[in-house]
């Protein structure tokens, strides 16, 4: 997952977008409490760098068959090979926690999803809207990005991360015009 963040950061940097890539593994030593630990870091980063507008929480999904085998989600990209499929997860205030601007994150996710599907018709899995906020209340540019699954090869996930970042750059450039 950190490697996917590195790939995204490289693409954003090449597009002239400054990046703060926090490489901390917040689900260590256990998953319980990981969102509390990562929110504390997000808050620290936003205080130190108030110009931060977008926060990407990068994950990989875990999809298993009924027998316990890992499922691999693939998109064939012409001339580039196989990429992991991506899922954008958008949190809301449906679970009762305050998240008044969640629709702004949803608008961003939809714009990136549409752009990516235009360029790479099989890259994106369906966008997921959830009743949890996943720390996305921290900014109106927060997204949770699932880069493939535990069954995907690192090279497939890295290609997907690069393609995603490129699509996000296109959306941000269009919005800034």
C-alpha atoms as a PDB file:
ATOM      1  CA  UNK A   1       0.000   0.000   0.000  1.00  0.00           C
ATOM      2  CA  UNK A   2       2.854   2.385   0.766  1.00  0.00           C
ATOM      3  CA  UNK A   3       4.317   1.578  -2.657  1.00  0.00           C
ATOM      4  CA  UNK A   4       0.986   2.555  -4.254  1.00  0.00           C
ATOM      5  CA  UNK A   5       1.119   5.861  -2.397  1.00  0.00           C
ATOM      6  CA  UNK A   6       4.652   6.383  -3.672  1.00  0.00           C
ATOM      7  CA  UNK A   7       3.464   5.778  -7.252  1.00  0.00           C
ATOM      8  CA  UNK A   8       0.590   8.230  -6.827  1.00  0.00           C
ATOM      9  CA  UNK A   9       2.859  10.829  -5.246  1.00  0.00           C
ATOM     10  CA  UNK A  10       5.261  10.550  -8.182  1.00  0.00           C
ATOM     11  CA  UNK A  11       2.478  11.159 -10.716  1.00  0.00           C
ATOM     12  CA  UNK A  12       1.106  14.104  -8.737  1.00  0.00           C
ATOM     13  CA  UNK A  13       4.600  15.555  -8.374  1.00  0.00           C
ATOM     14  CA  UNK A  14       5.243  15.271 -12.104  1.00  0.00           C
ATOM     15  CA  UNK A  15       2.018  17.254 -12.625  1.00  0.00           C
ATOM     16  CA  UNK A  16       3.260  20.002 -10.306  1.00  0.00           C
ATOM     17  CA  UNK A  17       1.060  19.023  -7.365  1.00  0.00           C
ATOM     18  CA  UNK A  18       2.880  19.079  -4.027  1.00  0.00           C
ATOM     19  CA  UNK A  19       2.423  15.922  -1.987  1.00  0.00           C
ATOM     20  CA  UNK A  20       2.852  14.983   1.635  1.00  0.00           C
ATOM     21  CA  UNK A  21       2.941  11.186   1.653  1.00  0.00           C
ATOM     22  CA  UNK A  22       2.508   9.797   5.146  1.00  0.00           C
ATOM     23  CA  UNK A  23       3.965   6.275   4.987  1.00  0.00           C
ATOM     24  CA  UNK A  24       2.821   5.270   8.478  1.00  0.00           C
ATOM     25  CA  UNK A  25       0.979   1.947   8.752  1.00  0.00           C
ATOM     26  CA  UNK A  26      -1.996   2.917  10.905  1.00  0.00           C
ATOM     27  CA  UNK A  27      -3.396  -0.609  11.120  1.00  0.00           C
ATOM     28  CA  UNK A  28      -0.314  -1.727  13.040  1.00  0.00           C
ATOM     29  CA  UNK A  29      -0.158  -3.260  15.627  1.00  0.00           C
ATOM     30  CA  UNK A  30      -3.866  -3.948  15.053  1.00  0.00           C
ATOM     31  CA  UNK A  31      -6.702  -2.782  12.841  1.00  0.00           C
ATOM     32  CA  UNK A  32      -8.825  -1.675  15.804  1.00  0.00           C
ATOM     33  CA  UNK A  33      -8.152   2.016  16.355  1.00  0.00           C
ATOM     34  CA  UNK A  34      -6.515   2.560  12.967  1.00  0.00           C
ATOM     35  CA  UNK A  35      -8.954   5.299  11.953  1.00  0.00           C
ATOM     36  CA  UNK A  36      -8.434   7.120  15.257  1.00  0.00           C
ATOM     37  CA  UNK A  37      -4.659   6.970  14.806  1.00  0.00           C
ATOM     38  CA  UNK A  38      -4.815   8.138  11.201  1.00  0.00           C
ATOM     39  CA  UNK A  39      -7.251  10.970  12.050  1.00  0.00           C
ATOM     40  CA  UNK A  40      -4.807  12.279  14.637  1.00  0.00           C
ATOM     41  CA  UNK A  41      -2.113  12.341  11.944  1.00  0.00           C
ATOM     42  CA  UNK A  42      -4.424  13.998   9.400  1.00  0.00           C
ATOM     43  CA  UNK A  43      -5.264  16.701  11.934  1.00  0.00           C
ATOM     44  CA  UNK A  44      -1.537  17.266  12.659  1.00  0.00           C
ATOM     45  CA  UNK A  45      -0.728  17.484   8.943  1.00  0.00           C
ATOM     46  CA  UNK A  46      -3.607  19.890   8.247  1.00  0.00           C
ATOM     47  CA  UNK A  47      -2.456  22.147  11.100  1.00  0.00           C
ATOM     48  CA  UNK A  48       1.150  22.103   9.912  1.00  0.00           C
ATOM     49  CA  UNK A  49       0.245  22.473   6.230  1.00  0.00           C
ATOM     50  CA  UNK A  50      -3.077  24.353   6.016  1.00  0.00           C
ATOM     51  CA  UNK A  51      -2.847  24.460   2.216  1.00  0.00           C
ATOM     52  CA  UNK A  52      -3.611  20.712   1.996  1.00  0.00           C
ATOM     53  CA  UNK A  53      -6.793  20.300  -0.015  1.00  0.00           C
ATOM     54  CA  UNK A  54      -6.938  16.559  -0.702  1.00  0.00           C
ATOM     55  CA  UNK A  55      -6.436  13.554   1.536  1.00  0.00           C
ATOM     56  CA  UNK A  56      -6.225  10.124  -0.067  1.00  0.00           C
ATOM     57  CA  UNK A  57      -6.494   7.112   2.206  1.00  0.00           C
ATOM     58  CA  UNK A  58      -5.000   4.248   0.191  1.00  0.00           C
ATOM     59  CA  UNK A  59      -6.043   0.655   0.911  1.00  0.00           C
ATOM     60  CA  UNK A  60      -6.218  -2.671  -0.801  1.00  0.00           C
ATOM     61  CA  UNK A  61      -9.419  -4.676  -0.646  1.00  0.00           C
ATOM     62  CA  UNK A  62      -9.707  -8.233   0.629  1.00  0.00           C
ATOM     63  CA  UNK A  63     -12.056 -10.322  -1.487  1.00  0.00           C
ATOM     64  CA  UNK A  64     -12.155 -14.053  -0.918  1.00  0.00           C
ATOM     65  CA  UNK A  65     -14.078 -16.929  -2.430  1.00  0.00           C
ATOM     66  CA  UNK A  66     -16.175 -19.115  -0.142  1.00  0.00           C
ATOM     67  CA  UNK A  67     -13.196 -21.500   0.014  1.00  0.00           C
ATOM     68  CA  UNK A  68     -10.869 -18.731   1.232  1.00  0.00           C
ATOM     69  CA  UNK A  69      -8.965 -18.130  -2.004  1.00  0.00           C
ATOM     70  CA  UNK A  70      -8.000 -14.541  -2.769  1.00  0.00           C
ATOM     71  CA  UNK A  71      -9.857 -12.912  -5.654  1.00  0.00           C
ATOM     72  CA  UNK A  72      -7.847 -10.838  -8.111  1.00  0.00           C
ATOM     73  CA  UNK A  73      -9.579  -7.904  -9.869  1.00  0.00           C
ATOM     74  CA  UNK A  74      -8.006  -6.961 -13.203  1.00  0.00           C
ATOM     75  CA  UNK A  75      -8.317  -4.362 -15.914  1.00  0.00           C
ATOM     76  CA  UNK A  76      -6.422  -4.944 -19.148  1.00  0.00           C
ATOM     77  CA  UNK A  77      -4.849  -1.640 -20.210  1.00  0.00           C
ATOM     78  CA  UNK A  78      -3.853  -1.502 -23.877  1.00  0.00           C
ATOM     79  CA  UNK A  79      -0.108  -1.237 -24.271  1.00  0.00           C
ATOM     80  CA  UNK A  80       0.531  -1.170 -20.511  1.00  0.00           C
ATOM     81  CA  UNK A  81      -0.487  -4.555 -19.156  1.00  0.00           C
ATOM     82  CA  UNK A  82      -2.833  -5.547 -16.377  1.00  0.00           C
ATOM     83  CA  UNK A  83      -3.863  -3.088 -13.692  1.00  0.00           C
ATOM     84  CA  UNK A  84      -5.727  -3.806 -10.501  1.00  0.00           C
ATOM     85  CA  UNK A  85      -9.237  -2.485 -10.558  1.00  0.00           C
ATOM     86  CA  UNK A  86      -9.893   0.390  -8.177  1.00  0.00           C
ATOM     87  CA  UNK A  87     -12.794   1.223  -5.891  1.00  0.00           C
ATOM     88  CA  UNK A  88     -13.555   4.659  -4.473  1.00  0.00           C
ATOM     89  CA  UNK A  89     -15.262   4.547  -1.088  1.00  0.00           C
ATOM     90  CA  UNK A  90     -17.083   7.684   0.025  1.00  0.00           C
ATOM     91  CA  UNK A  91     -18.232   8.114   3.591  1.00  0.00           C
ATOM     92  CA  UNK A  92     -21.319  10.005   4.694  1.00  0.00           C
ATOM     93  CA  UNK A  93     -23.050  11.111   7.869  1.00  0.00           C
ATOM     94  CA  UNK A  94     -25.469   8.174   7.665  1.00  0.00           C
ATOM     95  CA  UNK A  95     -23.909   6.500  10.681  1.00  0.00           C
ATOM     96  CA  UNK A  96     -24.680   9.478  12.914  1.00  0.00           C
ATOM     97  CA  UNK A  97     -21.223  11.075  13.061  1.00  0.00           C
ATOM     98  CA  UNK A  98     -20.932  14.655  11.874  1.00  0.00           C
ATOM     99  CA  UNK A  99     -19.874  14.919   8.243  1.00  0.00           C
ATOM    100  CA  UNK A 100     -21.812  17.883   6.821  1.00  0.00           C
ATOM    101  CA  UNK A 101     -19.823  18.245   3.587  1.00  0.00           C
ATOM    102  CA  UNK A 102     -19.718  14.588   2.530  1.00  0.00           C
ATOM    103  CA  UNK A 103     -21.426  15.365  -0.771  1.00  0.00           C
ATOM    104  CA  UNK A 104     -18.378  17.419  -1.825  1.00  0.00           C
ATOM    105  CA  UNK A 105     -16.263  14.280  -1.501  1.00  0.00           C
ATOM    106  CA  UNK A 106     -18.900  12.361  -3.435  1.00  0.00           C
ATOM    107  CA  UNK A 107     -18.799  14.934  -6.252  1.00  0.00           C
ATOM    108  CA  UNK A 108     -15.013  14.589  -6.469  1.00  0.00           C
ATOM    109  CA  UNK A 109     -15.253  10.787  -6.473  1.00  0.00           C
ATOM    110  CA  UNK A 110     -17.896  10.805  -9.210  1.00  0.00           C
ATOM    111  CA  UNK A 111     -15.822  13.179 -11.353  1.00  0.00           C
ATOM    112  CA  UNK A 112     -12.714  10.986 -11.031  1.00  0.00           C
ATOM    113  CA  UNK A 113     -14.761   7.818 -11.613  1.00  0.00           C
ATOM    114  CA  UNK A 114     -16.301   9.260 -14.787  1.00  0.00           C
ATOM    115  CA  UNK A 115     -12.939  10.480 -16.085  1.00  0.00           C
ATOM    116  CA  UNK A 116     -11.256   7.143 -15.407  1.00  0.00           C
ATOM    117  CA  UNK A 117     -14.056   5.169 -17.057  1.00  0.00           C
ATOM    118  CA  UNK A 118     -13.797   7.388 -20.115  1.00  0.00           C
ATOM    119  CA  UNK A 119     -10.102   6.607 -20.527  1.00  0.00           C
ATOM    120  CA  UNK A 120     -10.032   3.080 -19.061  1.00  0.00           C
ATOM    121  CA  UNK A 121     -13.516   1.505 -19.226  1.00  0.00           C
ATOM    122  CA  UNK A 122     -12.728  -1.438 -16.918  1.00  0.00           C
ATOM    123  CA  UNK A 123     -10.390   0.222 -14.418  1.00  0.00           C
ATOM    124  CA  UNK A 124     -12.991   1.244 -11.850  1.00  0.00           C
ATOM    125  CA  UNK A 125     -15.262  -0.985  -9.832  1.00  0.00           C
ATOM    126  CA  UNK A 126     -18.545   0.589  -8.666  1.00  0.00           C
ATOM    127  CA  UNK A 127     -18.203   3.578  -6.365  1.00  0.00           C
ATOM    128  CA  UNK A 128     -19.254   2.723  -2.802  1.00  0.00           C
ATOM    129  CA  UNK A 129     -21.201   5.178  -0.637  1.00  0.00           C
ATOM    130  CA  UNK A 130     -21.109   4.155   3.023  1.00  0.00           C
ATOM    131  CA  UNK A 131     -22.677   5.239   6.311  1.00  0.00           C
ATOM    132  CA  UNK A 132     -19.259   5.619   7.953  1.00  0.00           C
ATOM    133  CA  UNK A 133     -17.166   8.714   7.468  1.00  0.00           C
ATOM    134  CA  UNK A 134     -13.656   7.130   7.252  1.00  0.00           C
ATOM    135  CA  UNK A 135     -12.023  10.394   8.411  1.00  0.00           C
ATOM    136  CA  UNK A 136     -13.281  12.040   5.232  1.00  0.00           C
ATOM    137  CA  UNK A 137     -14.794  14.855   7.270  1.00  0.00           C
ATOM    138  CA  UNK A 138     -11.275  16.284   7.621  1.00  0.00           C
ATOM    139  CA  UNK A 139     -11.340  17.922   4.153  1.00  0.00           C
ATOM    140  CA  UNK A 140     -13.751  18.300   1.255  1.00  0.00           C
ATOM    141  CA  UNK A 141     -11.167  16.548  -0.864  1.00  0.00           C
ATOM    142  CA  UNK A 142     -10.971  13.241   0.974  1.00  0.00           C
ATOM    143  CA  UNK A 143     -11.260   9.853  -0.681  1.00  0.00           C
ATOM    144  CA  UNK A 144     -10.633   6.279   0.316  1.00  0.00           C
ATOM    145  CA  UNK A 145      -9.030   4.472  -2.625  1.00  0.00           C
ATOM    146  CA  UNK A 146      -9.014   0.661  -2.716  1.00  0.00           C
ATOM    147  CA  UNK A 147      -6.195  -0.295  -5.105  1.00  0.00           C
ATOM    148  CA  UNK A 148      -7.014  -3.833  -6.127  1.00  0.00           C
ATOM    149  CA  UNK A 149      -7.157  -6.698  -3.685  1.00  0.00           C
ATOM    150  CA  UNK A 150      -4.782  -8.842  -1.692  1.00  0.00           C
ATOM    151  CA  UNK A 151      -4.842 -11.206  -4.705  1.00  0.00           C
ATOM    152  CA  UNK A 152      -3.337  -8.667  -7.108  1.00  0.00           C
ATOM    153  CA  UNK A 153       0.364  -8.545  -7.907  1.00  0.00           C
ATOM    154  CA  UNK A 154       2.231  -5.423  -6.719  1.00  0.00           C
ATOM    155  CA  UNK A 155       2.933  -4.452 -10.342  1.00  0.00           C
ATOM    156  CA  UNK A 156      -0.785  -4.534 -11.159  1.00  0.00           C
ATOM    157  CA  UNK A 157      -1.577  -2.355  -8.168  1.00  0.00           C
ATOM    158  CA  UNK A 158       1.227   0.085  -8.972  1.00  0.00           C
ATOM    159  CA  UNK A 159      -0.025   0.546 -12.533  1.00  0.00           C
ATOM    160  CA  UNK A 160      -3.535   1.143 -11.195  1.00  0.00           C
ATOM    161  CA  UNK A 161      -2.241   3.696  -8.690  1.00  0.00           C
ATOM    162  CA  UNK A 162      -0.415   5.588 -11.444  1.00  0.00           C
ATOM    163  CA  UNK A 163      -3.460   5.546 -13.719  1.00  0.00           C
ATOM    164  CA  UNK A 164      -5.715   6.723 -10.887  1.00  0.00           C
ATOM    165  CA  UNK A 165      -3.414   9.605 -10.010  1.00  0.00           C
ATOM    166  CA  UNK A 166      -3.256  10.628 -13.669  1.00  0.00           C
ATOM    167  CA  UNK A 167      -7.053  10.644 -13.877  1.00  0.00           C
ATOM    168  CA  UNK A 168      -7.291  12.698 -10.685  1.00  0.00           C
ATOM    169  CA  UNK A 169      -4.778  15.185 -12.117  1.00  0.00           C
ATOM    170  CA  UNK A 170      -6.971  15.530 -15.226  1.00  0.00           C
ATOM    171  CA  UNK A 171     -10.049  16.200 -13.059  1.00  0.00           C
ATOM    172  CA  UNK A 172      -8.225  18.737 -10.896  1.00  0.00           C
ATOM    173  CA  UNK A 173      -6.841  20.536 -13.948  1.00  0.00           C
ATOM    174  CA  UNK A 174     -10.337  20.720 -15.462  1.00  0.00           C
ATOM    175  CA  UNK A 175     -11.753  22.082 -12.212  1.00  0.00           C
ATOM    176  CA  UNK A 176      -9.072  24.755 -11.969  1.00  0.00           C
ATOM    177  CA  UNK A 177      -9.874  26.254 -15.385  1.00  0.00           C
END
